[in-house]
N, C-alpha and C. Protein backbone atom coordinates (compact mmCIF):
# COMPACT_ATOMS: atom_id res chain seq x y z
N UNK A 1 10.28 1.87 -4.84
CA UNK A 1 11.29 0.96 -4.90
C UNK A 1 10.81 -0.54 -4.96
N UNK A 2 9.67 -0.83 -4.36
CA UNK A 2 9.15 -2.14 -4.27
C UNK A 2 8.93 -2.54 -5.74
N UNK A 3 8.41 -1.67 -6.51
CA UNK A 3 7.99 -1.88 -7.89
C UNK A 3 9.26 -2.42 -8.73
N UNK A 4 10.62 -1.89 -8.21
CA UNK A 4 11.74 -2.40 -8.96
C UNK A 4 12.18 -3.69 -8.41
N UNK A 5 11.78 -3.98 -7.29
CA UNK A 5 12.08 -5.32 -6.63
C UNK A 5 11.25 -6.24 -7.51
N UNK A 6 9.97 -5.93 -7.69
CA UNK A 6 9.03 -6.82 -8.26
C UNK A 6 9.58 -7.13 -9.70
N UNK A 7 10.03 -5.90 -10.40
CA UNK A 7 10.51 -6.00 -11.87
C UNK A 7 11.67 -6.77 -11.99
N UNK A 8 12.52 -6.98 -10.82
CA UNK A 8 13.89 -7.90 -10.86
C UNK A 8 13.38 -9.25 -11.41
N UNK A 9 12.13 -9.70 -11.15
CA UNK A 9 11.72 -11.05 -11.57
C UNK A 9 11.29 -11.15 -13.07
N UNK A 10 11.14 -9.93 -13.83
CA UNK A 10 10.93 -10.11 -15.19
C UNK A 10 12.30 -10.38 -15.93
N UNK A 11 12.83 -11.53 -16.22
CA UNK A 11 14.24 -11.63 -16.79
C UNK A 11 14.00 -11.53 -18.49
N UNK A 12 14.85 -10.83 -18.97
CA UNK A 12 14.84 -10.68 -20.36
C UNK A 12 15.64 -11.85 -21.18
N UNK A 13 16.54 -12.51 -20.45
CA UNK A 13 17.29 -13.64 -21.02
C UNK A 13 17.52 -14.66 -20.13
N UNK A 14 17.15 -15.81 -20.53
CA UNK A 14 17.55 -16.92 -19.73
C UNK A 14 19.00 -17.26 -19.53
N UNK A 15 20.00 -16.73 -20.48
CA UNK A 15 21.38 -16.91 -20.20
C UNK A 15 22.06 -15.91 -19.20
N UNK A 16 21.25 -14.81 -18.73
CA UNK A 16 21.57 -13.93 -17.87
C UNK A 16 20.64 -13.30 -17.09
N UNK A 17 20.49 -14.02 -15.82
CA UNK A 17 19.45 -13.70 -14.83
C UNK A 17 19.61 -12.28 -14.40
N UNK A 18 20.56 -11.60 -14.75
CA UNK A 18 20.85 -10.18 -14.28
C UNK A 18 20.19 -9.21 -15.20
N UNK A 19 19.82 -9.67 -16.29
CA UNK A 19 19.17 -8.89 -17.40
C UNK A 19 17.74 -8.85 -17.03
N UNK A 20 17.27 -7.83 -16.41
CA UNK A 20 15.86 -7.88 -15.91
C UNK A 20 15.29 -6.46 -16.11
N UNK A 21 13.91 -6.22 -16.06
CA UNK A 21 13.27 -5.23 -16.09
C UNK A 21 13.55 -4.08 -15.11
N UNK A 22 13.94 -4.53 -13.98
CA UNK A 22 14.61 -3.58 -12.95
C UNK A 22 15.52 -2.63 -13.51
N UNK A 23 16.52 -3.27 -14.03
CA UNK A 23 17.75 -2.44 -14.84
C UNK A 23 17.15 -1.62 -15.55
N UNK A 24 16.15 -1.93 -16.51
CA UNK A 24 15.61 -0.87 -17.38
C UNK A 24 14.95 0.13 -16.55
N UNK A 25 14.24 -0.17 -15.54
CA UNK A 25 13.64 0.89 -14.65
C UNK A 25 14.62 1.79 -14.17
N UNK A 26 15.82 1.23 -13.47
CA UNK A 26 16.69 1.94 -12.97
C UNK A 26 17.56 2.88 -13.94
N UNK A 27 17.67 2.52 -15.10
CA UNK A 27 18.27 3.50 -16.04
C UNK A 27 17.35 4.67 -16.63
N UNK A 28 15.94 4.08 -16.76
CA UNK A 28 15.04 5.11 -17.06
C UNK A 28 14.95 6.11 -15.96
N UNK A 29 14.67 5.74 -14.67
CA UNK A 29 14.73 6.74 -13.64
C UNK A 29 15.84 7.51 -13.42
N UNK A 30 17.24 6.95 -13.58
CA UNK A 30 18.35 7.68 -13.48
C UNK A 30 18.32 8.70 -14.61
N UNK A 31 18.36 8.41 -15.82
CA UNK A 31 18.23 9.20 -16.92
C UNK A 31 17.31 10.35 -16.90
N UNK A 32 16.23 10.11 -16.50
CA UNK A 32 15.07 10.97 -16.42
C UNK A 32 15.45 11.94 -15.38
N UNK A 33 15.81 11.55 -14.12
CA UNK A 33 16.22 12.29 -13.08
C UNK A 33 17.28 13.34 -13.39
N UNK A 34 18.29 12.82 -14.07
CA UNK A 34 19.39 13.63 -14.56
C UNK A 34 18.94 14.74 -15.47
N UNK A 35 18.02 14.49 -16.35
CA UNK A 35 17.82 15.25 -17.31
C UNK A 35 16.81 16.44 -16.69
N UNK A 36 16.17 16.07 -15.44
CA UNK A 36 15.43 17.15 -14.92
C UNK A 36 16.31 17.82 -14.11
N UNK A 37 17.27 17.33 -13.45
CA UNK A 37 18.22 18.19 -12.43
C UNK A 37 19.53 17.19 -12.30
N UNK A 38 20.48 17.50 -12.70
CA UNK A 38 21.70 16.77 -12.82
C UNK A 38 22.13 16.37 -11.27
N UNK A 39 22.29 17.47 -10.41
CA UNK A 39 22.61 17.21 -9.23
C UNK A 39 21.68 16.13 -8.33
N UNK A 40 20.43 16.36 -8.49
CA UNK A 40 19.54 15.23 -7.97
C UNK A 40 19.55 13.83 -8.58
N UNK A 41 19.67 13.98 -9.80
CA UNK A 41 19.81 12.65 -10.50
C UNK A 41 21.17 11.82 -10.04
N UNK A 42 22.23 12.66 -9.90
CA UNK A 42 23.44 12.09 -9.47
C UNK A 42 23.48 11.61 -8.02
N UNK A 43 22.65 12.40 -7.13
CA UNK A 43 22.32 12.05 -5.73
C UNK A 43 21.54 10.62 -5.74
N UNK A 44 20.69 10.64 -6.70
CA UNK A 44 19.67 9.29 -6.81
C UNK A 44 20.31 8.05 -7.25
N UNK A 45 21.33 8.27 -8.23
CA UNK A 45 22.03 7.24 -8.76
C UNK A 45 22.53 6.00 -7.98
N UNK A 46 23.23 6.31 -6.92
CA UNK A 46 23.74 5.31 -5.92
C UNK A 46 22.67 4.50 -5.36
N UNK A 47 21.57 5.22 -4.79
CA UNK A 47 20.43 4.54 -4.26
C UNK A 47 19.81 3.66 -5.33
N UNK A 48 19.42 4.04 -6.66
CA UNK A 48 19.10 3.32 -7.53
C UNK A 48 19.97 1.98 -7.81
N UNK A 49 21.17 2.34 -7.95
CA UNK A 49 22.20 1.35 -8.28
C UNK A 49 22.11 0.14 -7.17
N UNK A 50 22.03 0.66 -5.84
CA UNK A 50 21.90 -0.28 -4.72
C UNK A 50 20.67 -1.03 -4.70
N UNK A 51 19.64 -0.60 -5.08
CA UNK A 51 18.35 -1.36 -5.28
C UNK A 51 18.31 -2.29 -6.38
N UNK A 52 19.06 -1.88 -7.58
CA UNK A 52 19.30 -2.87 -8.66
C UNK A 52 20.13 -4.03 -8.25
N UNK A 53 21.20 -3.56 -7.73
CA UNK A 53 22.03 -4.82 -7.23
C UNK A 53 21.45 -5.76 -6.26
N UNK A 54 20.97 -5.17 -5.21
CA UNK A 54 20.20 -5.96 -4.36
C UNK A 54 19.00 -6.90 -4.62
N UNK A 55 18.34 -6.20 -5.42
CA UNK A 55 17.16 -7.21 -6.02
C UNK A 55 17.62 -8.38 -6.87
N UNK A 56 18.54 -7.84 -8.06
CA UNK A 56 19.16 -8.78 -8.79
C UNK A 56 19.90 -9.96 -8.06
N UNK A 57 20.68 -9.53 -6.96
CA UNK A 57 21.45 -10.58 -6.17
C UNK A 57 20.37 -11.38 -5.51
N UNK A 58 19.32 -11.05 -4.84
CA UNK A 58 18.28 -11.81 -4.34
C UNK A 58 17.73 -12.81 -5.32
N UNK A 59 17.36 -12.23 -6.43
CA UNK A 59 16.63 -13.05 -7.52
C UNK A 59 17.64 -13.89 -8.11
N UNK A 60 18.89 -13.70 -8.47
CA UNK A 60 19.74 -14.59 -9.19
C UNK A 60 20.34 -15.72 -8.29
N UNK A 61 20.82 -15.31 -7.08
CA UNK A 61 21.41 -16.01 -5.99
C UNK A 61 20.63 -16.91 -5.14
N UNK A 62 19.35 -16.31 -5.00
CA UNK A 62 18.51 -17.09 -3.93
C UNK A 62 17.22 -17.30 -4.58
N UNK A 63 17.15 -18.25 -5.65
CA UNK A 63 15.95 -18.36 -6.51
C UNK A 63 14.88 -18.94 -5.65
N UNK A 64 15.19 -19.93 -4.56
CA UNK A 64 14.35 -20.46 -3.79
C UNK A 64 13.56 -19.62 -2.75
N UNK A 65 14.00 -18.34 -2.70
CA UNK A 65 13.43 -17.29 -1.81
C UNK A 65 12.56 -16.36 -2.56
N UNK A 66 12.47 -16.66 -4.06
CA UNK A 66 11.79 -15.68 -4.90
C UNK A 66 10.31 -15.35 -4.31
N UNK A 67 9.67 -16.48 -3.89
CA UNK A 67 8.21 -16.24 -3.45
C UNK A 67 8.17 -15.28 -2.14
N UNK A 68 9.21 -15.35 -1.27
CA UNK A 68 9.14 -14.79 -0.12
C UNK A 68 9.57 -13.41 -0.52
N UNK A 69 10.45 -13.15 -1.28
CA UNK A 69 10.85 -11.60 -1.67
C UNK A 69 9.84 -10.99 -2.36
N UNK A 70 9.20 -11.64 -3.48
CA UNK A 70 7.93 -11.08 -3.95
C UNK A 70 6.82 -10.68 -3.15
N UNK A 71 6.57 -11.63 -2.19
CA UNK A 71 5.42 -11.41 -1.09
C UNK A 71 5.74 -10.09 -0.48
N UNK A 72 7.06 -9.93 0.08
CA UNK A 72 7.41 -8.80 0.94
C UNK A 72 7.43 -7.42 0.08
N UNK A 73 7.68 -7.59 -1.13
CA UNK A 73 7.73 -6.40 -2.03
C UNK A 73 6.33 -5.99 -2.33
N UNK A 74 5.53 -6.87 -2.63
CA UNK A 74 4.11 -6.66 -2.87
C UNK A 74 3.41 -6.17 -1.46
N UNK A 75 3.72 -6.76 -0.36
CA UNK A 75 3.01 -6.42 0.95
C UNK A 75 3.44 -4.83 1.10
N UNK A 76 4.71 -4.52 0.80
CA UNK A 76 5.14 -3.13 1.14
C UNK A 76 4.70 -2.17 0.03
N UNK A 77 4.41 -2.77 -1.16
CA UNK A 77 3.87 -1.85 -2.26
C UNK A 77 2.41 -1.47 -1.97
N UNK A 78 1.64 -2.47 -1.53
CA UNK A 78 0.37 -2.27 -1.09
C UNK A 78 -0.04 -1.45 0.27
N UNK A 79 0.88 -1.83 1.19
CA UNK A 79 0.92 -0.82 2.35
C UNK A 79 1.18 0.74 2.04
N UNK A 80 2.34 0.84 1.22
CA UNK A 80 2.75 2.13 0.81
C UNK A 80 1.26 2.74 -0.11
N UNK A 81 0.84 2.29 -0.79
CA UNK A 81 -0.33 2.78 -1.43
C UNK A 81 -1.47 3.12 -0.50
N UNK A 82 -1.85 2.06 0.25
CA UNK A 82 -2.73 2.26 1.35
C UNK A 82 -2.53 3.58 2.28
N UNK A 83 -1.26 3.69 2.60
CA UNK A 83 -0.99 4.92 3.54
C UNK A 83 -1.04 6.22 2.65
N UNK A 84 -0.92 6.22 1.47
CA UNK A 84 -0.80 7.18 0.52
C UNK A 84 -2.23 7.68 0.45
N UNK A 85 -3.09 6.69 0.23
CA UNK A 85 -4.76 6.96 0.00
C UNK A 85 -5.20 7.67 1.38
N UNK A 86 -4.86 6.92 2.40
CA UNK A 86 -5.33 7.46 3.62
C UNK A 86 -4.88 8.68 3.85
N UNK A 87 -3.57 9.07 3.81
CA UNK A 87 -3.15 10.38 3.93
C UNK A 87 -3.75 11.58 3.26
N UNK A 88 -4.08 11.19 2.06
CA UNK A 88 -4.67 12.19 1.23
C UNK A 88 -6.20 12.39 1.51
N UNK A 89 -6.84 11.44 1.85
CA UNK A 89 -8.34 11.45 2.01
C UNK A 89 -8.53 12.02 3.42
N UNK A 90 -7.50 11.59 4.23
CA UNK A 90 -7.91 11.90 5.81
C UNK A 90 -7.41 13.31 5.98
N UNK A 91 -6.14 13.70 5.51
CA UNK A 91 -5.65 14.98 5.93
C UNK A 91 -5.88 15.92 4.83
N UNK A 92 -5.91 15.65 3.59
CA UNK A 92 -6.17 16.55 2.74
C UNK A 92 -7.49 16.72 2.20
N UNK A 93 -8.44 15.45 2.20
CA UNK A 93 -9.81 15.46 1.89
C UNK A 93 -9.93 15.43 0.35
N UNK A 94 -8.87 14.92 -0.34
CA UNK A 94 -9.04 14.83 -1.72
C UNK A 94 -8.26 13.40 -2.20
N UNK A 95 -8.44 13.01 -3.46
CA UNK A 95 -7.82 12.05 -4.02
C UNK A 95 -6.21 12.22 -4.32
N UNK A 96 -5.41 11.10 -4.14
CA UNK A 96 -3.99 11.22 -4.56
C UNK A 96 -3.82 11.56 -5.98
N UNK A 97 -2.62 11.85 -6.37
CA UNK A 97 -2.49 12.28 -7.69
C UNK A 97 -2.42 11.09 -8.69
N UNK A 98 -2.70 9.86 -8.23
CA UNK A 98 -2.61 8.68 -9.14
C UNK A 98 -3.82 8.86 -10.00
N UNK A 99 -4.90 9.43 -9.37
CA UNK A 99 -6.17 9.62 -10.29
C UNK A 99 -5.97 10.64 -11.35
N UNK A 100 -5.12 11.60 -11.21
CA UNK A 100 -4.75 12.59 -12.18
C UNK A 100 -3.89 12.40 -13.30
N UNK A 101 -2.70 11.65 -12.89
CA UNK A 101 -1.65 11.31 -13.73
C UNK A 101 -0.81 10.33 -13.06
N UNK A 102 -0.51 9.29 -13.71
CA UNK A 102 0.14 8.24 -13.22
C UNK A 102 1.63 8.41 -13.09
N UNK A 103 2.35 9.52 -13.75
CA UNK A 103 3.71 9.75 -13.74
C UNK A 103 3.98 10.25 -12.41
N UNK A 104 3.16 11.26 -11.90
CA UNK A 104 3.41 11.78 -10.55
C UNK A 104 3.73 10.75 -9.39
N UNK A 105 2.82 9.86 -9.08
CA UNK A 105 3.13 8.86 -7.95
C UNK A 105 4.39 8.00 -8.27
N UNK A 106 4.47 7.59 -9.50
CA UNK A 106 5.44 6.48 -9.87
C UNK A 106 6.83 7.13 -10.16
N UNK A 107 6.92 8.31 -10.57
CA UNK A 107 8.21 8.76 -11.17
C UNK A 107 8.66 9.98 -10.27
N UNK A 108 7.65 11.06 -10.05
CA UNK A 108 7.94 12.26 -9.46
C UNK A 108 7.89 12.33 -8.01
N UNK A 109 7.23 11.23 -7.47
CA UNK A 109 7.11 11.43 -5.83
C UNK A 109 8.62 10.94 -5.49
N UNK A 110 9.15 9.88 -5.88
CA UNK A 110 10.65 9.49 -5.50
C UNK A 110 11.51 10.60 -5.77
N UNK A 111 11.30 11.39 -6.86
CA UNK A 111 12.17 12.60 -7.10
C UNK A 111 12.03 13.69 -6.04
N UNK A 112 10.72 13.87 -5.66
CA UNK A 112 10.38 14.70 -4.60
C UNK A 112 11.09 14.31 -3.32
N UNK A 113 11.19 13.05 -3.01
CA UNK A 113 12.20 12.59 -1.79
C UNK A 113 13.35 12.96 -1.88
N UNK A 114 13.90 12.77 -3.18
CA UNK A 114 15.25 13.21 -3.14
C UNK A 114 15.65 14.60 -3.15
N UNK A 115 14.79 15.52 -3.47
CA UNK A 115 14.84 16.80 -3.00
C UNK A 115 14.86 17.11 -1.63
N UNK A 116 13.87 16.45 -0.92
CA UNK A 116 13.73 16.62 0.52
C UNK A 116 14.91 16.33 1.11
N UNK A 117 15.46 15.08 0.63
CA UNK A 117 16.82 14.82 1.38
C UNK A 117 17.90 15.97 1.08
N UNK A 118 17.92 16.44 0.00
CA UNK A 118 18.88 17.54 -0.23
C UNK A 118 18.60 18.71 0.56
N UNK A 119 17.34 19.17 0.66
CA UNK A 119 17.12 20.18 1.59
C UNK A 119 17.46 19.91 2.98
N UNK A 120 17.25 18.69 3.59
CA UNK A 120 17.65 18.27 4.94
C UNK A 120 19.19 18.69 5.01
N UNK A 121 19.86 18.23 4.07
CA UNK A 121 21.46 18.45 4.18
C UNK A 121 21.90 19.89 3.65
N UNK A 122 20.93 20.74 3.66
CA UNK A 122 21.20 22.30 3.16
C UNK A 122 21.57 22.50 1.71
N UNK A 123 21.24 21.58 0.90
CA UNK A 123 21.48 21.94 -0.46
C UNK A 123 20.11 22.80 -1.02
N UNK A 124 20.34 23.64 -2.05
CA UNK A 124 19.10 24.26 -2.67
C UNK A 124 18.21 25.09 -1.74
N UNK A 125 18.84 25.83 -0.74
CA UNK A 125 17.91 26.43 0.11
C UNK A 125 17.02 27.46 -0.49
N UNK A 126 17.61 28.34 -1.60
CA UNK A 126 16.59 29.25 -2.18
C UNK A 126 15.35 28.35 -2.99
N UNK A 127 15.84 27.23 -3.52
CA UNK A 127 14.65 26.54 -4.18
C UNK A 127 13.67 25.94 -3.09
N UNK A 128 14.24 25.50 -1.86
CA UNK A 128 13.31 25.03 -0.87
C UNK A 128 12.39 26.16 -0.35
N UNK A 129 12.97 27.27 -0.29
CA UNK A 129 12.02 28.56 0.32
C UNK A 129 11.13 29.08 -0.88
N UNK A 130 11.40 28.91 -1.91
CA UNK A 130 10.43 29.11 -3.12
C UNK A 130 9.22 28.11 -3.10
N UNK A 131 9.67 26.87 -3.00
CA UNK A 131 8.55 25.76 -3.04
C UNK A 131 7.84 25.95 -1.78
N UNK A 132 8.37 26.12 -0.51
CA UNK A 132 7.40 26.37 0.62
C UNK A 132 6.51 27.42 0.42
N UNK A 133 7.08 28.71 -0.13
CA UNK A 133 6.19 29.78 -0.22
C UNK A 133 5.05 29.46 -1.20
N UNK A 134 5.24 28.86 -2.32
CA UNK A 134 4.30 28.26 -3.20
C UNK A 134 3.31 27.27 -2.62
N UNK A 135 3.87 26.39 -1.71
CA UNK A 135 3.04 25.46 -1.18
C UNK A 135 2.15 26.09 -0.27
N UNK A 136 2.44 27.01 0.43
CA UNK A 136 1.79 27.81 1.45
C UNK A 136 0.56 28.28 0.76
N UNK A 137 0.85 29.04 -0.39
CA UNK A 137 -0.25 29.71 -1.35
C UNK A 137 -1.39 28.76 -1.63
N UNK A 138 -0.80 27.51 -2.22
CA UNK A 138 -1.65 26.35 -2.47
C UNK A 138 -2.69 26.05 -1.40
N UNK A 139 -1.93 25.79 -0.35
CA UNK A 139 -2.52 25.19 0.76
C UNK A 139 -3.46 26.14 1.37
N UNK A 140 -3.34 27.43 1.52
CA UNK A 140 -4.25 28.48 1.92
C UNK A 140 -5.36 28.45 1.01
N UNK A 141 -5.01 28.53 -0.40
CA UNK A 141 -6.16 28.39 -1.21
C UNK A 141 -7.14 27.27 -1.10
N UNK A 142 -6.54 25.99 -0.84
CA UNK A 142 -7.23 24.65 -0.73
C UNK A 142 -8.06 25.01 0.52
N UNK A 143 -7.40 25.30 1.63
CA UNK A 143 -8.22 25.43 2.96
C UNK A 143 -9.33 26.38 2.79
N UNK A 144 -9.33 27.49 2.07
CA UNK A 144 -10.25 28.45 1.84
C UNK A 144 -11.35 27.83 1.12
N UNK A 145 -11.00 26.91 0.08
CA UNK A 145 -12.21 26.25 -0.75
C UNK A 145 -12.86 25.34 0.18
N UNK A 146 -12.18 24.55 1.08
CA UNK A 146 -12.72 23.63 1.88
C UNK A 146 -13.75 24.24 2.98
N UNK A 147 -13.42 25.57 3.56
CA UNK A 147 -14.15 26.17 4.29
C UNK A 147 -15.55 26.73 3.76
N UNK A 148 -15.28 27.10 2.41
CA UNK A 148 -16.44 27.74 1.55
C UNK A 148 -17.40 26.55 1.54
N UNK A 149 -16.86 25.41 1.15
CA UNK A 149 -17.80 24.14 0.77
C UNK A 149 -18.50 23.65 2.15
N UNK A 150 -17.80 23.63 3.33
CA UNK A 150 -18.28 23.42 4.55
C UNK A 150 -19.38 24.37 4.86
N UNK A 151 -19.35 25.63 4.59
CA UNK A 151 -20.37 26.55 4.88
C UNK A 151 -21.55 26.69 4.13
N UNK A 152 -21.57 25.82 2.88
CA UNK A 152 -22.62 25.85 2.11
C UNK A 152 -23.87 24.93 2.52
């Protein structure tokens, strides 16, 4: 979401400070999420709209605070990436998905969070069980490979 905050400072029209790259991103995220799964997309929509409204409000109505908002968004963005890298290298022993495919961390990771929220509230239990089963298989295989490499 910090990327959307930063994108709100890319204004397409001087006559309308609310016409920003942030809204293009929100529309793109929303439509893509709805195309993948309508329920998840509809659940994500209010959060995306809230981010869009808040960031554009801060940008348009408090232009003197732009530097502070951008610094905060950039700091949060960098901290999030640092935590992501640390978690992957420390706990998994491998690089995060950003090295394989840029779409995964920027688009699908927030989508994954939406599903985690849905699972917490009891939605899609069969899907959750299927994902957990598959994740266990992949994790067991990954751990087996790590043990083999360690014993070499």
